[in-house]
Amino acid sequence: MKKDIIFACSSGIATSTVVAEKVQEFCKEHGIDVNARQATVGELSGLDGSVDVFVVTSDVGGGYNTPIVNALPILTGVGEQEVLEQIVSILKEQ
């Protein structure tokens, strides 16, 4: 079963594209088929509850029902593995 991931950054294009590629590859290596979409941070409230996880590269605050993972470490390379494992863990629980 495909898992739905929304990748969001302030513009919906730049940093989320880099993160999306790495996350999709890591999920594939762990046998998880994903349906990835990109959005702006402002669009998340309208998508809340309709996907398995939000993967973001900027602060989005709280109050969401959908799990949120801050993927900034994927961009910096510091703590990248832990973030990728956290995303896979969330998807396996869904």
N, C-alpha and C. Protein backbone atom coordinates (compact mmCIF):
# COMPACT_ATOMS: atom_id res chain seq x y z
N MET A 1 0.83 -1.18 0.00
CA MET A 1 0.00 0.00 0.00
C MET A 1 0.89 1.26 0.00
N LYS A 2 0.56 2.17 -0.87
CA LYS A 2 1.35 3.41 -0.96
C LYS A 2 1.11 4.30 0.24
N LYS A 3 2.17 4.95 0.67
CA LYS A 3 2.10 5.92 1.75
C LYS A 3 2.19 7.32 1.14
N ASP A 4 1.36 8.22 1.66
CA ASP A 4 1.34 9.58 1.13
C ASP A 4 2.19 10.51 1.99
N ILE A 5 3.13 11.18 1.34
CA ILE A 5 4.01 12.13 2.01
C ILE A 5 3.89 13.48 1.33
N ILE A 6 3.73 14.52 2.14
CA ILE A 6 3.78 15.88 1.62
C ILE A 6 5.12 16.47 2.04
N PHE A 7 5.88 16.95 1.06
CA PHE A 7 7.14 17.63 1.32
C PHE A 7 6.87 19.12 1.20
N ALA A 8 7.16 19.85 2.27
CA ALA A 8 6.84 21.28 2.26
C ALA A 8 8.02 22.14 2.68
N CYS A 9 8.15 23.25 1.97
CA CYS A 9 9.09 24.30 2.37
C CYS A 9 8.37 25.62 2.11
N SER A 10 9.02 26.71 2.37
CA SER A 10 8.33 28.00 2.25
C SER A 10 7.89 28.27 0.81
N SER A 11 8.65 27.83 -0.18
CA SER A 11 8.28 28.07 -1.57
C SER A 11 7.58 26.89 -2.22
N GLY A 12 7.73 25.68 -1.63
CA GLY A 12 7.13 24.49 -2.22
C GLY A 12 7.96 23.89 -3.34
N ILE A 13 9.15 24.44 -3.57
CA ILE A 13 9.96 23.94 -4.67
C ILE A 13 11.38 23.58 -4.25
N ALA A 14 12.14 24.55 -3.83
CA ALA A 14 13.59 24.41 -3.69
C ALA A 14 14.05 23.31 -2.74
N THR A 15 14.04 23.57 -1.45
CA THR A 15 14.62 22.61 -0.52
C THR A 15 13.80 21.34 -0.43
N SER A 16 12.49 21.43 -0.62
CA SER A 16 11.68 20.21 -0.51
C SER A 16 12.00 19.22 -1.62
N THR A 17 12.48 19.69 -2.76
CA THR A 17 12.85 18.79 -3.86
C THR A 17 14.04 17.92 -3.48
N VAL A 18 15.05 18.52 -2.90
CA VAL A 18 16.24 17.78 -2.46
C VAL A 18 15.85 16.74 -1.41
N VAL A 19 15.08 17.16 -0.43
CA VAL A 19 14.66 16.27 0.64
C VAL A 19 13.79 15.14 0.09
N ALA A 20 12.87 15.45 -0.81
CA ALA A 20 11.97 14.44 -1.38
C ALA A 20 12.74 13.32 -2.06
N GLU A 21 13.77 13.67 -2.81
CA GLU A 21 14.56 12.65 -3.51
C GLU A 21 15.23 11.70 -2.52
N LYS A 22 15.83 12.25 -1.48
CA LYS A 22 16.52 11.40 -0.50
C LYS A 22 15.55 10.53 0.28
N VAL A 23 14.42 11.10 0.68
CA VAL A 23 13.44 10.34 1.46
C VAL A 23 12.83 9.22 0.61
N GLN A 24 12.48 9.52 -0.62
CA GLN A 24 11.90 8.49 -1.49
C GLN A 24 12.87 7.33 -1.71
N GLU A 25 14.13 7.64 -1.90
CA GLU A 25 15.14 6.59 -2.09
C GLU A 25 15.28 5.74 -0.83
N PHE A 26 15.32 6.39 0.32
CA PHE A 26 15.46 5.67 1.59
C PHE A 26 14.24 4.78 1.84
N CYS A 27 13.06 5.30 1.56
CA CYS A 27 11.83 4.51 1.74
C CYS A 27 11.84 3.29 0.82
N LYS A 28 12.26 3.50 -0.43
CA LYS A 28 12.33 2.40 -1.40
C LYS A 28 13.26 1.30 -0.89
N GLU A 29 14.40 1.71 -0.32
CA GLU A 29 15.35 0.74 0.22
C GLU A 29 14.75 -0.06 1.38
N HIS A 30 13.74 0.51 2.04
CA HIS A 30 13.10 -0.16 3.17
C HIS A 30 11.74 -0.75 2.81
N GLY A 31 11.49 -0.91 1.51
CA GLY A 31 10.28 -1.57 1.05
C GLY A 31 9.00 -0.78 1.20
N ILE A 32 9.11 0.54 1.26
CA ILE A 32 7.94 1.38 1.40
C ILE A 32 7.71 2.14 0.09
N ASP A 33 6.54 1.94 -0.49
CA ASP A 33 6.17 2.61 -1.72
C ASP A 33 5.50 3.93 -1.35
N VAL A 34 6.01 5.05 -1.85
CA VAL A 34 5.46 6.34 -1.45
C VAL A 34 4.88 7.12 -2.63
N ASN A 35 3.87 7.88 -2.30
CA ASN A 35 3.28 8.84 -3.22
C ASN A 35 3.69 10.21 -2.68
N ALA A 36 4.64 10.85 -3.32
CA ALA A 36 5.19 12.11 -2.81
C ALA A 36 4.61 13.29 -3.56
N ARG A 37 4.24 14.30 -2.79
CA ARG A 37 3.76 15.55 -3.37
C ARG A 37 4.47 16.70 -2.66
N GLN A 38 4.58 17.81 -3.36
CA GLN A 38 5.20 18.98 -2.77
C GLN A 38 4.16 20.07 -2.55
N ALA A 39 4.38 20.85 -1.51
CA ALA A 39 3.45 21.92 -1.17
C ALA A 39 4.21 23.03 -0.46
N THR A 40 3.53 24.14 -0.29
CA THR A 40 4.10 25.20 0.53
C THR A 40 3.63 24.98 1.95
N VAL A 41 4.33 25.55 2.90
CA VAL A 41 3.95 25.42 4.30
C VAL A 41 2.52 25.91 4.52
N GLY A 42 2.13 26.96 3.81
CA GLY A 42 0.80 27.52 3.95
C GLY A 42 -0.32 26.59 3.52
N GLU A 43 -0.01 25.60 2.70
CA GLU A 43 -1.01 24.66 2.21
C GLU A 43 -1.26 23.48 3.15
N LEU A 44 -0.42 23.31 4.17
CA LEU A 44 -0.51 22.13 5.02
C LEU A 44 -1.83 22.00 5.77
N SER A 45 -2.37 23.11 6.25
CA SER A 45 -3.61 23.01 7.04
C SER A 45 -4.74 22.40 6.22
N GLY A 46 -4.79 22.67 4.93
CA GLY A 46 -5.81 22.10 4.07
C GLY A 46 -5.59 20.63 3.74
N LEU A 47 -4.38 20.14 3.98
CA LEU A 47 -4.03 18.75 3.69
C LEU A 47 -3.99 17.89 4.95
N ASP A 48 -4.13 18.53 6.11
CA ASP A 48 -4.01 17.85 7.39
C ASP A 48 -5.01 16.70 7.49
N GLY A 49 -4.50 15.54 7.89
CA GLY A 49 -5.35 14.37 8.07
C GLY A 49 -5.56 13.54 6.81
N SER A 50 -5.10 14.05 5.66
CA SER A 50 -5.33 13.32 4.41
C SER A 50 -4.10 12.57 3.92
N VAL A 51 -2.97 12.73 4.64
CA VAL A 51 -1.73 12.05 4.25
C VAL A 51 -1.09 11.40 5.47
N ASP A 52 -0.05 10.60 5.24
CA ASP A 52 0.59 9.87 6.34
C ASP A 52 1.60 10.69 7.13
N VAL A 53 2.29 11.62 6.46
CA VAL A 53 3.30 12.42 7.16
C VAL A 53 3.61 13.68 6.36
N PHE A 54 3.89 14.76 7.09
CA PHE A 54 4.41 15.99 6.50
C PHE A 54 5.91 16.00 6.76
N VAL A 55 6.71 16.20 5.71
CA VAL A 55 8.15 16.35 5.86
C VAL A 55 8.47 17.78 5.47
N VAL A 56 8.95 18.57 6.44
CA VAL A 56 9.11 20.01 6.23
C VAL A 56 10.56 20.46 6.41
N THR A 57 10.88 21.58 5.76
CA THR A 57 12.23 22.14 5.91
C THR A 57 12.18 23.52 6.56
N SER A 58 11.02 23.92 7.04
CA SER A 58 10.91 25.18 7.78
C SER A 58 9.89 24.98 8.90
N ASP A 59 9.89 25.87 9.85
CA ASP A 59 9.01 25.75 11.01
C ASP A 59 7.56 25.93 10.58
N VAL A 60 6.70 24.99 10.99
CA VAL A 60 5.28 25.06 10.63
C VAL A 60 4.39 25.20 11.85
N GLY A 61 4.98 25.23 13.03
CA GLY A 61 4.17 25.33 14.24
C GLY A 61 3.54 23.99 14.57
N GLY A 62 2.51 24.02 15.39
CA GLY A 62 1.85 22.78 15.80
C GLY A 62 0.38 22.79 15.47
N GLY A 63 -0.34 21.89 16.11
CA GLY A 63 -1.77 21.83 15.93
C GLY A 63 -2.24 20.96 14.78
N TYR A 64 -1.35 20.16 14.22
CA TYR A 64 -1.72 19.29 13.11
C TYR A 64 -2.01 17.87 13.63
N ASN A 65 -2.92 17.19 12.96
CA ASN A 65 -3.18 15.78 13.27
C ASN A 65 -2.17 14.87 12.57
N THR A 66 -1.64 15.32 11.45
CA THR A 66 -0.67 14.56 10.67
C THR A 66 0.71 14.70 11.33
N PRO A 67 1.45 13.59 11.48
CA PRO A 67 2.81 13.69 12.03
C PRO A 67 3.68 14.61 11.16
N ILE A 68 4.52 15.39 11.83
CA ILE A 68 5.41 16.32 11.13
C ILE A 68 6.86 15.96 11.46
N VAL A 69 7.69 15.88 10.42
CA VAL A 69 9.11 15.62 10.61
C VAL A 69 9.89 16.80 10.03
N ASN A 70 10.76 17.37 10.84
CA ASN A 70 11.62 18.45 10.38
C ASN A 70 12.81 17.83 9.66
N ALA A 71 12.89 18.07 8.36
CA ALA A 71 13.91 17.43 7.54
C ALA A 71 15.12 18.31 7.27
N LEU A 72 15.28 19.38 8.02
CA LEU A 72 16.44 20.25 7.84
C LEU A 72 17.77 19.47 7.95
N PRO A 73 17.87 18.49 8.85
CA PRO A 73 19.12 17.71 8.90
C PRO A 73 19.48 17.01 7.59
N ILE A 74 18.50 16.71 6.75
CA ILE A 74 18.79 16.08 5.46
C ILE A 74 19.54 17.08 4.57
N LEU A 75 19.21 18.33 4.70
CA LEU A 75 19.90 19.36 3.91
C LEU A 75 21.30 19.64 4.43
N THR A 76 21.45 19.64 5.75
CA THR A 76 22.76 19.95 6.34
C THR A 76 23.67 18.72 6.39
N GLY A 77 23.07 17.53 6.37
CA GLY A 77 23.85 16.31 6.48
C GLY A 77 24.13 15.90 7.91
N VAL A 78 23.80 16.76 8.87
CA VAL A 78 24.03 16.47 10.28
C VAL A 78 22.75 15.90 10.88
N GLY A 79 22.77 14.61 11.20
CA GLY A 79 21.58 13.95 11.73
C GLY A 79 20.65 13.41 10.64
N GLU A 80 21.14 13.35 9.42
CA GLU A 80 20.32 12.91 8.28
C GLU A 80 19.77 11.50 8.48
N GLN A 81 20.62 10.57 8.89
CA GLN A 81 20.21 9.17 9.05
C GLN A 81 19.07 9.04 10.06
N GLU A 82 19.16 9.77 11.16
CA GLU A 82 18.12 9.70 12.19
C GLU A 82 16.78 10.19 11.67
N VAL A 83 16.80 11.25 10.87
CA VAL A 83 15.56 11.79 10.32
C VAL A 83 14.95 10.81 9.32
N LEU A 84 15.77 10.23 8.47
CA LEU A 84 15.27 9.24 7.50
C LEU A 84 14.65 8.05 8.22
N GLU A 85 15.30 7.59 9.28
CA GLU A 85 14.77 6.46 10.05
C GLU A 85 13.47 6.83 10.76
N GLN A 86 13.37 8.08 11.22
CA GLN A 86 12.14 8.55 11.87
C GLN A 86 10.97 8.53 10.87
N ILE A 87 11.21 8.96 9.65
CA ILE A 87 10.16 8.97 8.63
C ILE A 87 9.70 7.55 8.32
N VAL A 88 10.65 6.64 8.14
CA VAL A 88 10.30 5.24 7.87
C VAL A 88 9.51 4.64 9.03
N SER A 89 9.92 4.96 10.25
CA SER A 89 9.23 4.46 11.44
C SER A 89 7.77 4.93 11.46
N ILE A 90 7.55 6.22 11.17
CA ILE A 90 6.18 6.76 11.15
C ILE A 90 5.36 6.06 10.08
N LEU A 91 5.93 5.87 8.90
CA LEU A 91 5.20 5.24 7.81
C LEU A 91 4.85 3.79 8.10
N LYS A 92 5.72 3.08 8.78
CA LYS A 92 5.45 1.68 9.12
C LYS A 92 4.35 1.56 10.18
N GLU A 93 4.17 2.61 11.00
CA GLU A 93 3.13 2.60 12.01
C GLU A 93 1.75 2.91 11.44
N GLN A 94 1.71 3.60 10.32
CA GLN A 94 0.44 4.05 9.74
C GLN A 94 -0.35 2.89 9.17
